[in-house]
Amino acid sequence: MRILEVNGLKKVYTTRFGGNKVEALRHVSFSVEEGEYVAIMGESGSGKTTLLNILAALDKPTGGTVLLDGKDLSKIKESGLAAFRRDHLGFVFQDFNLLDTFSLEDNIYLPLVLAGKPFAEMKQRLAPIAEQLGISDILRKYPYEVSGGQKQRTAVARALVTNPRLILADEPTGALDSKATDELLQLFSEINRVGQTLLMVTHSVKAASHAGRVLFIKDGEVFHQLYRGNSTNEELYQKISDTLTMLATGGDKR
C-alpha cells in the first residue's frame, strides 16, 4: 500500500526584489510504500531540504502534488496543518529540537499534550517505547544532563509516541559521534522491522546504507535510485559511494 505519493513536484523561489527565480525542485516524482525505509541523498543545494519541508507540510510546492494516505497536503487549510502534522507525521531533527526547561519525559509527551490526550494514555504509550529505546531510567532528566545519543533517542521517542504514519528524519546522525550514530541506525532498522515507515534525508553514506532504498536528488530532480535487494550494508555502502562519485563528476544515470 502506498503511504506517500509525490507527483511532478516543482518549487520555484523568487529573490527578494523579484529579479531572479531559483528552481529548487523540478518534476520530482516518487512513492513510498507502507513499511519502507527510504533515504534521500544529494549534494548541498540539490533540493533535498526543500523536498523534506514540502513533505512535512512546512512549505507549499509551486506545482505538483504530495499525497499522504491519499490526502493532498496542499488542500489542507492553514489552520489545520499543525494538527495534521502532529497526528500523521513524526519528526527527528539533527539538532534534536528538545526544550531544555522540560524533562525528557515532558518533551516526549508534548505532542500528546497538544493533542489533548489524557495523562494515563500518555504514560501507557510511552512505557513500551522508552523501554525499546533504552531511556526508561533517564526520563526525569533534562536535555542538558544527557548525551547526544540519549537526546536523539528521546527525539525518536517523541516521534513514535503519536503513532505516526510516516517518520521524517532530517540528518538524524549529523550531531552524533560514531558510537551514538551506530546505535541510532540500529534503532531505526529495528523500528522499521516492526512496520514503521521511515524517510530520511542525509549526507551520510553510512546512514543511507541502512535504508531499503536510496533516492539521489540532483539539480532538483530524482537522478537515480538504488534498492537494497539482497545487498549487505557494506555492499550498499559501496554502491551509494559509487553513485555519489558519478553525481559529483557529472555522470548521467537515471
C-alpha atoms as a PDB file:
ATOM      1  CA  MET A   1       0.000   0.000   0.000  1.00  0.00           C
ATOM      2  CA  ARG A   2       1.344   3.414  -0.959  1.00  0.00           C
ATOM      3  CA  ILE A   3       1.552   5.734   2.007  1.00  0.00           C
ATOM      4  CA  LEU A   4       3.228   8.677   0.225  1.00  0.00           C
ATOM      5  CA  GLU A   5       2.887   9.785  -3.402  1.00  0.00           C
ATOM      6  CA  VAL A   6       4.893  12.671  -4.836  1.00  0.00           C
ATOM      7  CA  ASN A   7       3.777  13.671  -8.334  1.00  0.00           C
ATOM      8  CA  GLY A   8       5.516  16.227 -10.591  1.00  0.00           C
ATOM      9  CA  LEU A   9       6.681  18.322  -7.659  1.00  0.00           C
ATOM     10  CA  LYS A  10       8.076  21.745  -8.528  1.00  0.00           C
ATOM     11  CA  LYS A  11       9.309  24.574  -6.318  1.00  0.00           C
ATOM     12  CA  VAL A  12      10.421  27.973  -7.581  1.00  0.00           C
ATOM     13  CA  TYR A  13      11.739  30.682  -5.270  1.00  0.00           C
ATOM     14  CA  THR A  14      11.741  34.342  -6.281  1.00  0.00           C
ATOM     15  CA  THR A  15      14.582  36.501  -4.988  1.00  0.00           C
ATOM     16  CA  ARG A  16      13.804  39.344  -2.631  1.00  0.00           C
ATOM     17  CA  PHE A  17      13.250  42.011  -5.266  1.00  0.00           C
ATOM     18  CA  GLY A  18      11.743  39.660  -7.807  1.00  0.00           C
ATOM     19  CA  GLY A  19      14.638  39.873 -10.208  1.00  0.00           C
ATOM     20  CA  ASN A  20      15.635  36.206 -10.341  1.00  0.00           C
ATOM     21  CA  LYS A  21      13.850  32.920  -9.942  1.00  0.00           C
ATOM     22  CA  VAL A  22      15.524  29.835  -8.484  1.00  0.00           C
ATOM     23  CA  GLU A  23      14.109  26.438  -9.383  1.00  0.00           C
ATOM     24  CA  ALA A  24      14.770  24.309  -6.304  1.00  0.00           C
ATOM     25  CA  LEU A  25      12.716  21.307  -7.451  1.00  0.00           C
ATOM     26  CA  ARG A  26      11.555  20.265 -10.911  1.00  0.00           C
ATOM     27  CA  HIS A  27       9.318  17.341 -11.819  1.00  0.00           C
ATOM     28  CA  VAL A  28      10.094  15.254  -8.717  1.00  0.00           C
ATOM     29  CA  SER A  29       8.010  12.084  -8.636  1.00  0.00           C
ATOM     30  CA  PHE A  30       8.300   9.016  -6.406  1.00  0.00           C
ATOM     31  CA  SER A  31       6.233   6.984  -3.992  1.00  0.00           C
ATOM     32  CA  VAL A  32       6.854   5.303  -0.645  1.00  0.00           C
ATOM     33  CA  GLU A  33       5.161   2.061   0.313  1.00  0.00           C
ATOM     34  CA  GLU A  34       3.912   1.407   3.823  1.00  0.00           C
ATOM     35  CA  GLY A  35       6.736  -0.096   5.890  1.00  0.00           C
ATOM     36  CA  GLU A  36       9.527   1.153   3.605  1.00  0.00           C
ATOM     37  CA  TYR A  37      12.769   2.746   4.806  1.00  0.00           C
ATOM     38  CA  VAL A  38      13.876   5.321   2.245  1.00  0.00           C
ATOM     39  CA  ALA A  39      16.945   7.567   2.318  1.00  0.00           C
ATOM     40  CA  ILE A  40      17.264  10.716   0.190  1.00  0.00           C
ATOM     41  CA  MET A  41      20.748  11.921  -0.710  1.00  0.00           C
ATOM     42  CA  GLY A  42      22.239  14.726  -2.780  1.00  0.00           C
ATOM     43  CA  GLU A  43      24.832  17.470  -2.688  1.00  0.00           C
ATOM     44  CA  SER A  44      24.172  20.724  -0.829  1.00  0.00           C
ATOM     45  CA  GLY A  45      21.798  22.808  -2.927  1.00  0.00           C
ATOM     46  CA  SER A  46      20.345  19.768  -4.700  1.00  0.00           C
ATOM     47  CA  GLY A  47      16.853  20.427  -3.338  1.00  0.00           C
ATOM     48  CA  LYS A  48      16.545  17.663  -0.747  1.00  0.00           C
ATOM     49  CA  THR A  49      15.875  20.026   2.189  1.00  0.00           C
ATOM     50  CA  THR A  50      13.234  21.862   0.137  1.00  0.00           C
ATOM     51  CA  LEU A  51      11.693  18.478  -0.657  1.00  0.00           C
ATOM     52  CA  LEU A  52      11.632  17.480   3.013  1.00  0.00           C
ATOM     53  CA  ASN A  53       9.989  20.777   4.003  1.00  0.00           C
ATOM     54  CA  ILE A  54       7.238  20.206   1.431  1.00  0.00           C
ATOM     55  CA  LEU A  55       6.723  16.603   2.565  1.00  0.00           C
ATOM     56  CA  ALA A  56       6.431  17.915   6.130  1.00  0.00           C
ATOM     57  CA  ALA A  57       3.779  20.444   5.013  1.00  0.00           C
ATOM     58  CA  LEU A  58       6.089  23.236   6.175  1.00  0.00           C
ATOM     59  CA  ASP A  59       6.257  24.668   2.657  1.00  0.00           C
ATOM     60  CA  LYS A  60       3.959  24.535  -0.348  1.00  0.00           C
ATOM     61  CA  PRO A  61       5.051  23.461  -3.842  1.00  0.00           C
ATOM     62  CA  THR A  62       4.807  25.740  -6.863  1.00  0.00           C
ATOM     63  CA  GLY A  63       3.413  22.792  -8.814  1.00  0.00           C
ATOM     64  CA  GLY A  64       2.661  19.103  -8.417  1.00  0.00           C
ATOM     65  CA  THR A  65       1.125  17.247  -5.503  1.00  0.00           C
ATOM     66  CA  VAL A  66       2.069  15.389  -2.316  1.00  0.00           C
ATOM     67  CA  LEU A  67      -0.438  12.791  -1.136  1.00  0.00           C
ATOM     68  CA  LEU A  68      -0.203  11.203   2.304  1.00  0.00           C
ATOM     69  CA  ASP A  69      -2.641   8.294   2.546  1.00  0.00           C
ATOM     70  CA  GLY A  70      -4.360   9.799  -0.497  1.00  0.00           C
ATOM     71  CA  LYS A  71      -4.804  13.233   1.122  1.00  0.00           C
ATOM     72  CA  ASP A  72      -3.394  16.186  -0.838  1.00  0.00           C
ATOM     73  CA  LEU A  73      -1.281  18.210   1.608  1.00  0.00           C
ATOM     74  CA  SER A  74      -1.797  21.420  -0.374  1.00  0.00           C
ATOM     75  CA  LYS A  75      -5.572  21.171   0.176  1.00  0.00           C
ATOM     76  CA  ILE A  76      -5.302  21.198   3.978  1.00  0.00           C
ATOM     77  CA  LYS A  77      -6.343  24.544   5.429  1.00  0.00           C
ATOM     78  CA  GLU A  78      -3.614  26.572   7.115  1.00  0.00           C
ATOM     79  CA  SER A  79      -5.497  26.368  10.403  1.00  0.00           C
ATOM     80  CA  GLY A  80      -5.400  22.576  10.300  1.00  0.00           C
ATOM     81  CA  LEU A  81      -1.809  21.998   9.221  1.00  0.00           C
ATOM     82  CA  ALA A  82      -0.260  21.861  12.702  1.00  0.00           C
ATOM     83  CA  ALA A  83      -2.802  19.272  13.850  1.00  0.00           C
ATOM     84  CA  PHE A  84      -2.309  17.255  10.650  1.00  0.00           C
ATOM     85  CA  ARG A  85       1.476  17.152  11.138  1.00  0.00           C
ATOM     86  CA  ARG A  86       1.065  16.206  14.787  1.00  0.00           C
ATOM     87  CA  ASP A  87      -1.396  13.394  14.055  1.00  0.00           C
ATOM     88  CA  HIS A  88       0.232  11.884  10.958  1.00  0.00           C
ATOM     89  CA  LEU A  89       3.941  12.704  10.933  1.00  0.00           C
ATOM     90  CA  GLY A  90       6.835  12.136  13.316  1.00  0.00           C
ATOM     91  CA  PHE A  91       9.983  14.263  13.097  1.00  0.00           C
ATOM     92  CA  VAL A  92      13.590  13.553  14.034  1.00  0.00           C
ATOM     93  CA  PHE A  93      15.976  16.509  13.600  1.00  0.00           C
ATOM     94  CA  GLN A  94      19.745  16.829  13.524  1.00  0.00           C
ATOM     95  CA  ASP A  95      19.760  19.233  16.490  1.00  0.00           C
ATOM     96  CA  PHE A  96      17.146  17.237  18.466  1.00  0.00           C
ATOM     97  CA  ASN A  97      14.775  20.232  18.985  1.00  0.00           C
ATOM     98  CA  LEU A  98      14.268  19.433  22.667  1.00  0.00           C
ATOM     99  CA  LEU A  99      13.174  22.059  25.204  1.00  0.00           C
ATOM    100  CA  ASP A 100      15.830  22.456  27.915  1.00  0.00           C
ATOM    101  CA  THR A 101      13.247  23.586  30.505  1.00  0.00           C
ATOM    102  CA  PHE A 102      11.305  20.322  30.063  1.00  0.00           C
ATOM    103  CA  SER A 103      12.369  16.891  31.305  1.00  0.00           C
ATOM    104  CA  LEU A 104      12.927  14.232  28.650  1.00  0.00           C
ATOM    105  CA  GLU A 105       9.587  12.730  29.611  1.00  0.00           C
ATOM    106  CA  ASP A 106       7.760  16.031  29.166  1.00  0.00           C
ATOM    107  CA  ASN A 107       9.487  16.635  25.821  1.00  0.00           C
ATOM    108  CA  ILE A 108       8.154  13.280  24.615  1.00  0.00           C
ATOM    109  CA  TYR A 109       4.676  14.000  25.963  1.00  0.00           C
ATOM    110  CA  LEU A 110       4.450  17.421  24.295  1.00  0.00           C
ATOM    111  CA  PRO A 111       2.685  16.391  21.040  1.00  0.00           C
ATOM    112  CA  LEU A 112       0.222  14.299  23.050  1.00  0.00           C
ATOM    113  CA  VAL A 113      -0.459  17.222  25.407  1.00  0.00           C
ATOM    114  CA  LEU A 114      -1.126  19.436  22.389  1.00  0.00           C
ATOM    115  CA  ALA A 115      -3.488  16.770  21.061  1.00  0.00           C
ATOM    116  CA  GLY A 116      -5.400  16.791  24.375  1.00  0.00           C
ATOM    117  CA  LYS A 117      -4.634  13.190  25.334  1.00  0.00           C
ATOM    118  CA  PRO A 118      -5.250  12.175  28.982  1.00  0.00           C
ATOM    119  CA  PHE A 119      -2.177  11.613  31.148  1.00  0.00           C
ATOM    120  CA  ALA A 120      -2.971   7.933  31.710  1.00  0.00           C
ATOM    121  CA  GLU A 121      -2.932   7.316  27.965  1.00  0.00           C
ATOM    122  CA  MET A 122       0.330   9.246  27.576  1.00  0.00           C
ATOM    123  CA  LYS A 123       2.023   7.094  30.218  1.00  0.00           C
ATOM    124  CA  GLN A 124       0.662   3.921  28.618  1.00  0.00           C
ATOM    125  CA  ARG A 125       2.002   4.936  25.199  1.00  0.00           C
ATOM    126  CA  LEU A 126       5.426   5.993  26.447  1.00  0.00           C
ATOM    127  CA  ALA A 127       6.294   2.977  28.621  1.00  0.00           C
ATOM    128  CA  PRO A 128       6.966   0.403  25.842  1.00  0.00           C
ATOM    129  CA  ILE A 129       8.676   2.980  23.599  1.00  0.00           C
ATOM    130  CA  ALA A 130      11.002   4.139  26.373  1.00  0.00           C
ATOM    131  CA  GLU A 131      11.890   0.535  27.155  1.00  0.00           C
ATOM    132  CA  GLN A 132      12.588  -0.240  23.494  1.00  0.00           C
ATOM    133  CA  LEU A 133      14.814   2.839  23.166  1.00  0.00           C
ATOM    134  CA  GLY A 134      16.625   2.227  26.443  1.00  0.00           C
ATOM    135  CA  ILE A 135      15.703   5.549  28.045  1.00  0.00           C
ATOM    136  CA  SER A 136      13.288   4.453  30.793  1.00  0.00           C
ATOM    137  CA  ASP A 137      15.770   5.274  33.572  1.00  0.00           C
ATOM    138  CA  ILE A 138      16.582   8.814  32.356  1.00  0.00           C
ATOM    139  CA  LEU A 139      13.103  10.167  31.606  1.00  0.00           C
ATOM    140  CA  ARG A 140      13.175  12.547  34.606  1.00  0.00           C
ATOM    141  CA  LYS A 141      16.467  14.103  33.482  1.00  0.00           C
ATOM    142  CA  TYR A 142      16.751  17.271  31.405  1.00  0.00           C
ATOM    143  CA  PRO A 143      18.341  17.528  27.939  1.00  0.00           C
ATOM    144  CA  TYR A 144      21.446  19.281  29.275  1.00  0.00           C
ATOM    145  CA  GLU A 145      22.054  16.339  31.641  1.00  0.00           C
ATOM    146  CA  VAL A 146      22.283  13.605  28.982  1.00  0.00           C
ATOM    147  CA  SER A 147      24.445  12.714  25.981  1.00  0.00           C
ATOM    148  CA  GLY A 148      23.759  13.496  22.339  1.00  0.00           C
ATOM    149  CA  GLY A 149      22.786   9.899  21.695  1.00  0.00           C
ATOM    150  CA  GLN A 150      20.306   9.949  24.579  1.00  0.00           C
ATOM    151  CA  LYS A 151      18.857  13.232  23.299  1.00  0.00           C
ATOM    152  CA  GLN A 152      18.342  11.708  19.866  1.00  0.00           C
ATOM    153  CA  ARG A 153      16.697   8.618  21.361  1.00  0.00           C
ATOM    154  CA  THR A 154      14.358  10.980  23.208  1.00  0.00           C
ATOM    155  CA  ALA A 155      13.597  12.738  19.925  1.00  0.00           C
ATOM    156  CA  VAL A 156      12.841   9.362  18.322  1.00  0.00           C
ATOM    157  CA  ALA A 157      10.508   8.516  21.230  1.00  0.00           C
ATOM    158  CA  ARG A 158       8.710  11.842  20.714  1.00  0.00           C
ATOM    159  CA  ALA A 159       8.306  10.984  17.023  1.00  0.00           C
ATOM    160  CA  LEU A 160       6.963   7.486  17.772  1.00  0.00           C
ATOM    161  CA  VAL A 161       4.606   8.303  20.632  1.00  0.00           C
ATOM    162  CA  THR A 162       1.927   9.756  18.330  1.00  0.00           C
ATOM    163  CA  ASN A 163       1.800   6.529  16.249  1.00  0.00           C
ATOM    164  CA  PRO A 164       2.664   8.445  13.053  1.00  0.00           C
ATOM    165  CA  ARG A 165       2.010   7.138   9.570  1.00  0.00           C
ATOM    166  CA  LEU A 166       5.430   8.397   8.476  1.00  0.00           C
ATOM    167  CA  ILE A 167       8.603   9.465  10.269  1.00  0.00           C
ATOM    168  CA  LEU A 168      10.656  12.168   8.551  1.00  0.00           C
ATOM    169  CA  ALA A 169      14.283  12.328   9.691  1.00  0.00           C
ATOM    170  CA  ASP A 170      16.483  15.294   8.749  1.00  0.00           C
ATOM    171  CA  GLU A 171      20.210  14.456   9.048  1.00  0.00           C
ATOM    172  CA  PRO A 172      19.470  12.465  12.230  1.00  0.00           C
ATOM    173  CA  THR A 173      23.098  11.369  12.746  1.00  0.00           C
ATOM    174  CA  GLY A 174      24.630  14.767  11.954  1.00  0.00           C
ATOM    175  CA  ALA A 175      25.271  15.787  15.588  1.00  0.00           C
ATOM    176  CA  LEU A 176      26.213  12.329  16.908  1.00  0.00           C
ATOM    177  CA  ASP A 177      29.558  10.617  17.477  1.00  0.00           C
ATOM    178  CA  SER A 178      30.266   7.296  15.778  1.00  0.00           C
ATOM    179  CA  LYS A 179      29.009   5.122  18.673  1.00  0.00           C
ATOM    180  CA  ALA A 180      25.737   7.049  19.012  1.00  0.00           C
ATOM    181  CA  THR A 181      25.352   7.004  15.220  1.00  0.00           C
ATOM    182  CA  ASP A 182      25.663   3.210  15.137  1.00  0.00           C
ATOM    183  CA  GLU A 183      23.111   2.887  17.944  1.00  0.00           C
ATOM    184  CA  LEU A 184      20.622   5.209  16.259  1.00  0.00           C
ATOM    185  CA  LEU A 185      20.914   3.465  12.884  1.00  0.00           C
ATOM    186  CA  GLN A 186      20.379   0.101  14.566  1.00  0.00           C
ATOM    187  CA  LEU A 187      17.354   1.581  16.294  1.00  0.00           C
ATOM    188  CA  PHE A 188      15.900   2.881  13.025  1.00  0.00           C
ATOM    189  CA  SER A 189      16.331  -0.583  11.500  1.00  0.00           C
ATOM    190  CA  GLU A 190      14.518  -2.168  14.453  1.00  0.00           C
ATOM    191  CA  ILE A 191      11.673   0.367  14.250  1.00  0.00           C
ATOM    192  CA  ASN A 192      11.356  -0.256  10.519  1.00  0.00           C
ATOM    193  CA  ARG A 193      11.308  -4.040  11.002  1.00  0.00           C
ATOM    194  CA  VAL A 194       8.148  -3.758  13.100  1.00  0.00           C
ATOM    195  CA  GLY A 195       6.428  -1.799  10.323  1.00  0.00           C
ATOM    196  CA  GLN A 196       7.212   1.892  10.857  1.00  0.00           C
ATOM    197  CA  THR A 197       7.654   3.802   7.583  1.00  0.00           C
ATOM    198  CA  LEU A 198      10.768   5.998   7.542  1.00  0.00           C
ATOM    199  CA  LEU A 199      12.025   8.661   5.145  1.00  0.00           C
ATOM    200  CA  MET A 200      15.440  10.107   5.946  1.00  0.00           C
ATOM    201  CA  VAL A 201      17.378  12.963   4.341  1.00  0.00           C
ATOM    202  CA  THR A 202      21.098  12.516   4.927  1.00  0.00           C
ATOM    203  CA  HIS A 203      24.601  13.365   3.724  1.00  0.00           C
ATOM    204  CA  SER A 204      25.916  10.242   5.439  1.00  0.00           C
ATOM    205  CA  VAL A 205      26.673   7.247   3.231  1.00  0.00           C
ATOM    206  CA  LYS A 206      26.757   5.118   6.372  1.00  0.00           C
ATOM    207  CA  ALA A 207      23.263   6.241   7.408  1.00  0.00           C
ATOM    208  CA  ALA A 208      21.845   5.728   3.917  1.00  0.00           C
ATOM    209  CA  SER A 209      23.378   2.236   3.704  1.00  0.00           C
ATOM    210  CA  HIS A 210      20.910   1.096   6.394  1.00  0.00           C
ATOM    211  CA  ALA A 211      17.877   2.019   4.279  1.00  0.00           C
ATOM    212  CA  GLY A 212      15.977  -0.271   1.949  1.00  0.00           C
ATOM    213  CA  ARG A 213      16.046   2.230  -0.907  1.00  0.00           C
ATOM    214  CA  VAL A 214      18.126   5.323  -1.651  1.00  0.00           C
ATOM    215  CA  LEU A 215      16.929   8.202  -3.835  1.00  0.00           C
ATOM    216  CA  PHE A 216      19.507  10.615  -5.252  1.00  0.00           C
ATOM    217  CA  ILE A 217      18.486  14.214  -5.940  1.00  0.00           C
ATOM    218  CA  LYS A 218      20.496  16.290  -8.408  1.00  0.00           C
ATOM    219  CA  ASP A 219      19.614  19.776  -9.686  1.00  0.00           C
ATOM    220  CA  GLY A 220      16.114  19.478  -8.258  1.00  0.00           C
ATOM    221  CA  GLU A 221      15.276  16.114  -9.844  1.00  0.00           C
ATOM    222  CA  VAL A 222      15.378  12.441  -8.890  1.00  0.00           C
ATOM    223  CA  PHE A 223      18.606  11.446 -10.645  1.00  0.00           C
ATOM    224  CA  HIS A 224      18.829   7.786  -9.682  1.00  0.00           C
ATOM    225  CA  GLN A 225      17.712   5.274  -7.067  1.00  0.00           C
ATOM    226  CA  LEU A 226      19.191   2.165  -5.529  1.00  0.00           C
ATOM    227  CA  TYR A 227      17.325  -0.762  -3.996  1.00  0.00           C
ATOM    228  CA  ARG A 228      18.908  -2.845  -1.268  1.00  0.00           C
ATOM    229  CA  GLY A 229      17.736  -6.180  -2.623  1.00  0.00           C
ATOM    230  CA  ASN A 230      19.992  -8.807  -1.044  1.00  0.00           C
ATOM    231  CA  SER A 231      22.876  -6.367  -0.507  1.00  0.00           C
ATOM    232  CA  THR A 232      24.543  -6.128   2.885  1.00  0.00           C
ATOM    233  CA  ASN A 233      25.040  -2.707   4.467  1.00  0.00           C
ATOM    234  CA  GLU A 234      28.662  -2.817   3.287  1.00  0.00           C
ATOM    235  CA  GLU A 235      27.686  -3.640  -0.302  1.00  0.00           C
ATOM    236  CA  LEU A 236      25.012  -0.950  -0.367  1.00  0.00           C
ATOM    237  CA  TYR A 237      27.540   1.498   1.122  1.00  0.00           C
ATOM    238  CA  GLN A 238      29.842   0.872  -1.865  1.00  0.00           C
ATOM    239  CA  LYS A 239      27.019   1.281  -4.385  1.00  0.00           C
ATOM    240  CA  ILE A 240      25.984   4.578  -2.762  1.00  0.00           C
ATOM    241  CA  SER A 241      29.589   5.830  -2.795  1.00  0.00           C
ATOM    242  CA  ASP A 242      29.919   4.968  -6.485  1.00  0.00           C
ATOM    243  CA  THR A 243      26.679   6.780  -7.313  1.00  0.00           C
ATOM    244  CA  LEU A 244      27.726   9.898  -5.366  1.00  0.00           C
ATOM    245  CA  THR A 245      31.031   9.915  -7.250  1.00  0.00           C
ATOM    246  CA  MET A 246      29.095   9.808 -10.505  1.00  0.00           C
ATOM    247  CA  LEU A 247      26.890  12.657  -9.314  1.00  0.00           C
ATOM    248  CA  ALA A 248      29.923  14.760  -8.445  1.00  0.00           C
ATOM    249  CA  THR A 249      31.652  14.103 -11.782  1.00  0.00           C
ATOM    250  CA  GLY A 250      28.612  14.851 -13.904  1.00  0.00           C
ATOM    251  CA  GLY A 251      27.636  11.302 -14.863  1.00  0.00           C
ATOM    252  CA  ASP A 252      24.189  10.616 -16.261  1.00  0.00           C
ATOM    253  CA  LYS A 253      22.394   7.632 -14.773  1.00  0.00           C
ATOM    254  CA  ARG A 254      18.662   7.593 -14.249  1.00  0.00           C
END
